[in-house]
Amino acid sequence: MSLRQPPLAAVHEAAGADATEFGGWEMPVEFESITTEHRAVREAAGIFDVSHMSEIEVGGPDAEALMQRLTSNDVAALDPGDVQYSMITDDEGIILDDTVVYRLPSETPEYLFVPNAGHDQQMLDRWTRRRDEWGLDATVENRTETYAMFAVQGPDAPGLVADAVDAADADDEAVDDLGRFEADYRSIAGVECLLSNTGYTGEDGFEVLAPWEDAETVWDAFDCQPCGLGARDTLRIEAGFLLAGQDFDPEENPRNPYEAGVGFAVDLDTEFVGRDALASAKEAGPAQRFVGIRLLDRGVPRHGYPVTTADGERIGEVTSGTMSPTLSEPIGLGYVDVERADAGTDVRVEVRGQAKKARVESPNFLDR
């Protein structure tokens, strides 16, 4: 089966970007180098094409009820323009996906949620099946190839975005008053876009949803370093953010939100699929916890490497790892037994069969 292409595939190829497969899409992995792009985001700003992310739109009289019953956070608490991080769980409380939910800036409750790349059909099927099963009056539309999505991230991102917004919208409310996890429509290069103060890098930044056919016009409005998925991965690891299919996977590495350190995205006062199982899981406490792991010896922790005690007892596993461009040290994310999960705990990581000294830390290595 051929890979799906973002609307800027030809633009990225002309820029000399290397491409990789991700979630069934062919996406740029680097334009110049992962280190250069990573540092640009930490020190100034970079722009990512993340048009491979899925988008599902939910509307109609029962849109709020459907969203409330299929996501773990309190959708009813959202005002128009609010954005919320949430989990999609099965009956056992296992994370199927993590997502960002937009309450669109309209009078009637309408939502756009963003599952991970390649999950659009799965989530479309799940939403429509449950809607029909519960007899709810809601529309569910796959908008993944309706919108291009870009992320402008870094300390200079607010200024860049403010400069890109068209003059008619460029008043004090254009960007400065768009609070964290808020979204609104803004005109960029003459194109109406949904602009949100969100991101996946640990930096200030914005995500822009633009009409698919206007992708190049909006992309060209930002004069900063183009970045690929390679830098996106090293940035999110430093910030301790989960990656679906790697840090959790319902088949290969089933985790509930309390194990994965995202219990803050669960509201047990709402009724949703998996709610009862998660109430029990919270009361019992997790057997393992998601942590950061800093390698003290030479080597790089990688997905699947065992984490052990100094005596060789296996206590967990690395799920993501890299040589941190910011810290110039090898770091990783993973799960360890809860009694070994406190920051400062001395552990070992088996790198190609050799036990390397390491230390448990907070998943967020940026200390911000």
Protein backbone atom coordinates (compact mmCIF):
# COMPACT_ATOMS: atom_id res chain seq x y z
CA MET A 1 0.00 0.00 0.00
CA SER A 2 1.37 3.42 -0.93
CA LEU A 3 2.10 5.90 1.83
CA ARG A 4 -0.15 8.91 2.38
CA GLN A 5 1.39 12.23 1.41
CA PRO A 6 1.11 15.59 3.21
CA PRO A 7 0.03 18.55 1.05
CA LEU A 8 3.60 19.92 1.10
CA ALA A 9 5.31 16.70 -0.02
CA ALA A 10 6.69 18.35 -3.17
CA VAL A 11 7.82 21.42 -1.21
CA HIS A 12 9.72 19.27 1.27
CA GLU A 13 11.33 17.26 -1.52
CA ALA A 14 12.43 20.45 -3.25
CA ALA A 15 13.94 21.63 0.05
CA GLY A 16 16.05 18.47 0.17
CA ALA A 17 14.35 16.95 3.21
CA ASP A 18 14.94 13.30 4.02
CA ALA A 19 11.67 11.42 4.40
CA THR A 20 10.53 8.58 6.61
CA GLU A 21 7.40 6.48 7.08
CA PHE A 22 5.34 7.34 10.14
CA GLY A 23 1.84 6.08 10.83
CA GLY A 24 1.31 5.25 7.17
CA TRP A 25 2.50 8.69 5.99
CA GLU A 26 5.66 9.74 4.21
CA MET A 27 6.92 12.69 6.26
CA PRO A 28 10.11 14.77 6.44
CA VAL A 29 12.45 13.43 9.14
CA GLU A 30 15.10 16.15 8.75
CA PHE A 31 15.81 19.13 6.50
CA GLU A 32 19.30 20.12 7.62
CA SER A 33 20.16 17.98 10.63
CA ILE A 34 18.27 16.82 13.71
CA THR A 35 20.69 18.65 15.99
CA THR A 36 20.47 21.93 14.05
CA GLU A 37 16.67 21.80 13.98
CA HIS A 38 16.44 20.82 17.66
CA ARG A 39 18.65 23.72 18.71
CA ALA A 40 16.74 26.15 16.53
CA VAL A 41 13.58 25.32 18.48
CA ARG A 42 15.26 25.54 21.87
CA GLU A 43 17.05 28.82 21.06
CA ALA A 44 14.83 30.62 18.49
CA ALA A 45 12.02 28.94 16.53
CA GLY A 46 11.26 26.18 14.07
CA ILE A 47 8.28 25.06 12.02
CA PHE A 48 7.12 21.44 11.67
CA ASP A 49 4.74 20.01 9.11
CA VAL A 50 2.55 17.72 11.23
CA SER A 51 -0.18 17.26 8.65
CA HIS A 52 -0.01 13.51 9.30
CA MET A 53 -1.84 14.04 12.60
CA SER A 54 -5.46 12.87 12.45
CA GLU A 55 -8.44 15.22 12.80
CA ILE A 56 -12.00 14.12 13.58
CA GLU A 57 -14.84 16.67 13.76
CA VAL A 58 -17.89 16.00 15.95
CA GLY A 59 -21.05 18.13 15.80
CA GLY A 60 -24.79 17.98 16.30
CA PRO A 61 -27.10 18.11 19.36
CA ASP A 62 -25.35 15.22 21.16
CA ALA A 63 -21.77 16.12 20.24
CA GLU A 64 -20.86 16.95 23.84
CA ALA A 65 -22.42 13.72 25.17
CA LEU A 66 -20.51 11.62 22.63
CA MET A 67 -17.20 13.31 23.36
CA GLN A 68 -17.77 13.07 27.10
CA ARG A 69 -18.34 9.32 26.95
CA LEU A 70 -15.35 8.56 24.70
CA THR A 71 -12.63 10.74 26.23
CA SER A 72 -11.34 10.74 29.80
CA ASN A 73 -11.34 14.45 30.61
CA ASP A 74 -14.32 16.73 31.31
CA VAL A 75 -15.42 17.97 27.89
CA ALA A 76 -18.37 19.83 29.45
CA ALA A 77 -15.91 22.14 31.22
CA LEU A 78 -14.68 23.53 27.89
CA ASP A 79 -15.78 26.96 26.74
CA PRO A 80 -15.69 27.88 23.04
CA GLY A 81 -12.03 28.12 22.04
CA ASP A 82 -10.74 25.95 24.89
CA VAL A 83 -8.35 23.08 24.15
CA GLN A 84 -7.90 20.02 26.35
CA TYR A 85 -5.48 17.09 26.57
CA SER A 86 -7.30 13.80 27.06
CA MET A 87 -7.07 10.02 26.87
CA ILE A 88 -9.09 7.54 24.82
CA THR A 89 -9.33 4.32 26.82
CA ASP A 90 -10.93 0.90 26.43
CA ASP A 91 -13.25 -0.80 28.93
CA GLU A 92 -10.23 -1.86 31.01
CA GLY A 93 -8.88 1.68 31.21
CA ILE A 94 -5.98 0.93 28.83
CA ILE A 95 -4.88 3.88 26.71
CA LEU A 96 -5.86 3.40 23.07
CA ASP A 97 -4.63 6.85 22.14
CA ASP A 98 -3.94 10.27 23.61
CA THR A 99 -5.55 13.26 21.97
CA VAL A 100 -6.10 17.00 22.02
CA VAL A 101 -9.76 18.11 22.02
CA TYR A 102 -10.75 21.52 20.61
CA ARG A 103 -14.09 23.05 21.56
CA LEU A 104 -14.42 25.00 18.35
CA PRO A 105 -15.11 28.75 18.66
CA SER A 106 -18.81 28.48 17.82
CA GLU A 107 -22.02 29.03 19.80
CA THR A 108 -23.20 25.43 19.59
CA PRO A 109 -20.87 22.75 20.98
CA GLU A 110 -18.73 21.46 18.12
CA TYR A 111 -15.47 19.63 18.60
CA LEU A 112 -12.34 18.74 16.70
CA PHE A 113 -10.09 16.14 18.25
CA VAL A 114 -6.63 15.15 17.11
CA PRO A 115 -5.68 11.47 17.48
CA ASN A 116 -2.23 10.31 16.49
CA ALA A 117 -1.05 9.74 12.93
CA GLY A 118 -2.69 6.81 11.21
CA HIS A 119 -5.43 6.48 13.84
CA ASP A 120 -8.10 8.49 12.00
CA GLN A 121 -10.04 5.56 10.54
CA GLN A 122 -9.84 3.63 13.81
CA MET A 123 -11.23 6.58 15.77
CA LEU A 124 -13.84 7.41 13.12
CA ASP A 125 -15.08 3.81 13.38
CA ARG A 126 -15.05 3.92 17.19
CA TRP A 127 -16.99 7.20 17.36
CA THR A 128 -19.61 6.23 14.80
CA ARG A 129 -20.09 2.74 16.25
CA ARG A 130 -20.59 4.07 19.79
CA ARG A 131 -22.83 6.90 18.55
CA ASP A 132 -25.12 4.37 16.87
CA GLU A 133 -24.98 1.99 19.84
CA TRP A 134 -26.00 4.77 22.26
CA GLY A 135 -28.54 6.32 19.88
CA LEU A 136 -26.94 9.77 19.98
CA ASP A 137 -27.63 12.52 17.45
CA ALA A 138 -24.15 13.57 16.37
CA THR A 139 -22.17 13.94 13.18
CA VAL A 140 -18.67 12.46 12.98
CA GLU A 141 -16.44 13.44 10.07
CA ASN A 142 -12.85 12.53 9.23
CA ARG A 143 -11.12 15.85 8.45
CA THR A 144 -7.57 14.52 8.31
CA GLU A 145 -7.15 15.45 4.66
CA THR A 146 -9.20 18.64 5.03
CA TYR A 147 -6.62 20.40 7.19
CA ALA A 148 -2.87 20.83 6.98
CA MET A 149 -1.30 21.23 10.40
CA PHE A 150 1.87 23.07 11.28
CA ALA A 151 3.62 23.62 14.63
CA VAL A 152 5.64 26.81 15.16
CA GLN A 153 7.67 26.27 18.30
CA GLY A 154 10.41 28.02 20.27
CA PRO A 155 11.01 31.15 22.34
CA ASP A 156 10.63 33.34 19.23
CA ALA A 157 7.42 31.62 18.11
CA PRO A 158 4.97 34.13 19.65
CA GLY A 159 6.62 36.99 17.77
CA LEU A 160 6.79 35.03 14.53
CA VAL A 161 3.14 34.11 14.72
CA ALA A 162 2.12 37.66 15.61
CA ASP A 163 4.03 38.89 12.56
CA ALA A 164 2.39 36.30 10.32
CA VAL A 165 -1.17 37.11 11.37
CA ASP A 166 -2.77 39.48 8.90
CA ALA A 167 -3.06 43.15 9.82
CA ALA A 168 -6.83 42.99 10.27
CA ASP A 169 -6.30 40.50 13.13
CA ALA A 170 -2.99 41.88 14.37
CA ASP A 171 -4.19 43.74 17.41
CA ASP A 172 -3.33 43.00 21.02
CA GLU A 173 -5.65 40.03 20.99
CA ALA A 174 -4.10 38.39 17.94
CA VAL A 175 -1.61 36.25 19.81
CA ASP A 176 -0.76 37.73 23.21
CA ASP A 177 -4.20 37.12 24.65
CA LEU A 178 -4.45 33.59 23.28
CA GLY A 179 -3.71 31.77 26.52
CA ARG A 180 -2.14 28.36 26.91
CA PHE A 181 -4.52 25.71 25.56
CA GLU A 182 -6.77 28.26 23.88
CA ALA A 183 -7.62 28.47 20.18
CA ASP A 184 -9.29 30.90 17.83
CA TYR A 185 -9.52 31.70 14.15
CA ARG A 186 -6.90 34.04 12.71
CA SER A 187 -6.10 35.09 9.16
CA ILE A 188 -2.57 34.22 8.01
CA ALA A 189 -1.49 35.28 4.51
CA GLY A 190 -5.15 35.78 3.67
CA VAL A 191 -6.13 32.29 4.79
CA GLU A 192 -8.44 31.65 7.74
CA CYS A 193 -6.68 29.27 10.12
CA LEU A 194 -7.44 27.78 13.51
CA LEU A 195 -4.57 28.92 15.73
CA SER A 196 -3.96 27.27 19.11
CA ASN A 197 -1.44 27.94 21.84
CA THR A 198 -0.28 24.32 22.08
CA GLY A 199 2.70 22.18 21.14
CA TYR A 200 4.79 19.07 21.70
CA THR A 201 8.29 20.39 22.27
CA GLY A 202 8.35 21.89 25.77
CA GLU A 203 8.69 25.38 24.30
CA ASP A 204 6.29 28.24 23.78
CA GLY A 205 4.52 27.76 20.51
CA PHE A 206 1.45 27.49 18.39
CA GLU A 207 -0.21 24.94 16.18
CA VAL A 208 -1.94 26.07 13.01
CA LEU A 209 -4.69 24.24 11.16
CA ALA A 210 -5.02 25.54 7.62
CA PRO A 211 -7.11 24.38 4.66
CA TRP A 212 -5.31 21.55 2.85
CA GLU A 213 -5.28 23.45 -0.45
CA ASP A 214 -3.73 26.57 1.17
CA ALA A 215 -0.96 24.72 3.00
CA GLU A 216 1.93 26.18 1.01
CA THR A 217 0.65 29.76 1.38
CA VAL A 218 0.48 29.44 5.17
CA TRP A 219 3.79 27.52 5.46
CA ASP A 220 5.57 30.28 3.51
CA ALA A 221 4.28 32.93 5.94
CA PHE A 222 6.76 31.75 8.58
CA ASP A 223 10.45 32.60 8.18
CA CYS A 224 12.17 30.13 10.47
CA GLN A 225 13.99 26.79 10.46
CA PRO A 226 11.95 23.97 8.90
CA CYS A 227 12.13 20.93 11.16
CA GLY A 228 11.43 17.25 10.67
CA LEU A 229 10.12 14.45 12.82
CA GLY A 230 13.63 13.61 14.05
CA ALA A 231 13.91 16.87 15.99
CA ARG A 232 10.28 16.57 17.08
CA ASP A 233 11.18 13.27 18.74
CA THR A 234 14.31 14.50 20.57
CA LEU A 235 12.45 17.63 21.74
CA ARG A 236 9.48 15.68 23.11
CA ILE A 237 11.75 13.16 24.88
CA GLU A 238 13.54 16.01 26.68
CA ALA A 239 10.11 17.35 27.73
CA GLY A 240 8.88 13.91 28.85
CA PHE A 241 5.94 13.72 26.45
CA LEU A 242 4.43 10.35 25.50
CA LEU A 243 4.61 8.93 21.98
CA ALA A 244 1.81 6.55 21.00
CA GLY A 245 3.01 3.16 19.82
CA GLN A 246 6.28 3.60 21.67
CA ASP A 247 5.65 4.80 25.25
CA PHE A 248 2.26 3.10 25.28
CA ASP A 249 0.58 0.67 22.94
CA PRO A 250 -2.65 -1.23 23.65
CA GLU A 251 -1.18 -4.41 22.15
CA GLU A 252 2.57 -4.29 22.77
CA ASN A 253 2.77 -2.16 25.93
CA PRO A 254 -0.69 -1.68 27.49
CA ARG A 255 -0.72 1.14 30.07
CA ASN A 256 -3.35 3.04 31.96
CA PRO A 257 -3.07 6.83 32.45
CA TYR A 258 -1.85 6.53 36.05
CA GLU A 259 1.08 4.34 35.04
CA ALA A 260 1.85 6.67 32.12
CA GLY A 261 1.95 9.79 34.31
CA VAL A 262 -1.07 11.40 32.66
CA GLY A 263 -3.64 10.86 35.39
CA PHE A 264 -4.22 14.63 35.29
CA ALA A 265 -6.11 14.02 32.01
CA VAL A 266 -8.64 11.74 33.74
CA ASP A 267 -11.76 13.14 35.42
CA LEU A 268 -13.41 10.34 37.38
CA ASP A 269 -16.43 12.58 38.05
CA THR A 270 -17.45 12.04 34.42
CA GLU A 271 -18.81 8.85 32.84
CA PHE A 272 -16.64 7.52 30.03
CA VAL A 273 -15.53 4.17 28.63
CA GLY A 274 -12.96 2.79 31.07
CA ARG A 275 -13.98 5.06 33.95
CA ASP A 276 -14.79 2.27 36.47
CA ALA A 277 -11.59 0.37 35.70
CA LEU A 278 -9.56 3.55 36.18
CA ALA A 279 -11.26 4.32 39.49
CA SER A 280 -10.12 0.90 40.71
CA ALA A 281 -6.65 1.37 39.24
CA LYS A 282 -6.27 4.72 40.97
CA GLU A 283 -7.30 3.29 44.30
CA ALA A 284 -4.89 0.35 43.96
CA GLY A 285 -2.03 2.51 42.70
CA PRO A 286 0.18 1.61 39.71
CA ALA A 287 2.67 -1.24 39.86
CA GLN A 288 5.04 0.69 37.60
CA ARG A 289 5.50 4.38 36.88
CA PHE A 290 6.63 6.37 33.86
CA VAL A 291 9.99 7.99 34.62
CA GLY A 292 12.96 9.71 33.07
CA ILE A 293 16.27 7.82 33.01
CA ARG A 294 19.62 9.57 32.66
CA LEU A 295 22.47 7.29 31.58
CA LEU A 296 25.67 8.01 33.52
CA ASP A 297 27.94 5.72 31.49
CA ARG A 298 28.65 5.90 27.77
CA GLY A 299 25.87 4.64 25.50
CA VAL A 300 22.36 5.60 24.49
CA PRO A 301 19.19 4.07 26.03
CA ARG A 302 16.85 2.78 23.34
CA HIS A 303 13.31 1.41 23.13
CA GLY A 304 13.13 -2.08 24.65
CA TYR A 305 16.35 -1.96 26.67
CA PRO A 306 15.90 -3.56 30.15
CA VAL A 307 16.21 -1.47 33.32
CA THR A 308 17.67 -3.38 36.27
CA THR A 309 18.98 -2.91 39.79
CA ALA A 310 22.73 -2.94 40.41
CA ASP A 311 22.28 -6.65 41.24
CA GLY A 312 20.76 -7.37 37.84
CA GLU A 313 17.11 -7.70 38.91
CA ARG A 314 14.88 -6.52 36.09
CA ILE A 315 12.63 -3.67 37.26
CA GLY A 316 11.46 -2.08 34.03
CA GLU A 317 12.14 -1.12 30.44
CA VAL A 318 13.17 1.87 28.37
CA THR A 319 10.46 2.99 25.91
CA SER A 320 12.18 6.00 24.29
CA GLY A 321 15.76 7.26 24.30
CA THR A 322 18.19 9.63 22.64
CA MET A 323 21.42 11.56 23.01
CA SER A 324 19.94 14.84 24.21
CA PRO A 325 21.06 17.74 21.99
CA THR A 326 20.30 20.20 24.80
CA LEU A 327 21.99 18.34 27.66
CA SER A 328 24.63 16.50 25.59
CA GLU A 329 23.82 13.46 27.70
CA PRO A 330 22.05 10.17 26.99
CA ILE A 331 18.49 10.23 28.33
CA GLY A 332 15.45 8.02 28.11
CA LEU A 333 11.87 7.49 29.17
CA GLY A 334 10.37 4.26 30.44
CA TYR A 335 8.60 2.35 33.17
CA VAL A 336 10.09 1.00 36.39
CA ASP A 337 8.57 -0.70 39.43
CA VAL A 338 6.96 1.94 41.62
CA GLU A 339 9.26 1.26 44.59
CA ARG A 340 12.24 2.11 42.32
CA ALA A 341 10.61 5.11 40.65
CA ASP A 342 11.68 7.95 42.94
CA ALA A 343 14.00 10.55 41.44
CA GLY A 344 17.62 9.85 42.30
CA THR A 345 17.25 6.05 42.42
CA ASP A 346 20.36 4.27 41.18
CA VAL A 347 19.57 1.80 38.36
CA ARG A 348 21.21 0.11 35.41
CA VAL A 349 20.24 0.06 31.73
CA GLU A 350 21.33 -2.91 29.66
CA VAL A 351 22.82 -1.46 26.49
CA ARG A 352 23.62 -4.26 24.06
CA GLY A 353 23.97 -6.68 26.96
CA GLN A 354 26.17 -4.44 29.11
CA ALA A 355 24.83 -2.95 32.35
CA LYS A 356 25.30 0.84 32.28
CA LYS A 357 24.95 3.07 35.33
CA ALA A 358 21.86 5.27 35.23
CA ARG A 359 19.66 7.39 37.47
CA VAL A 360 15.89 7.78 37.68
CA GLU A 361 14.67 11.35 37.17
CA SER A 362 11.53 13.29 36.38
CA PRO A 363 10.38 12.59 32.79
CA ASN A 364 10.74 16.31 32.10
CA PHE A 365 14.49 16.83 31.77
CA LEU A 366 14.12 20.52 31.00
CA ASP A 367 13.58 21.53 34.64
CA ARG A 368 11.15 24.34 33.71
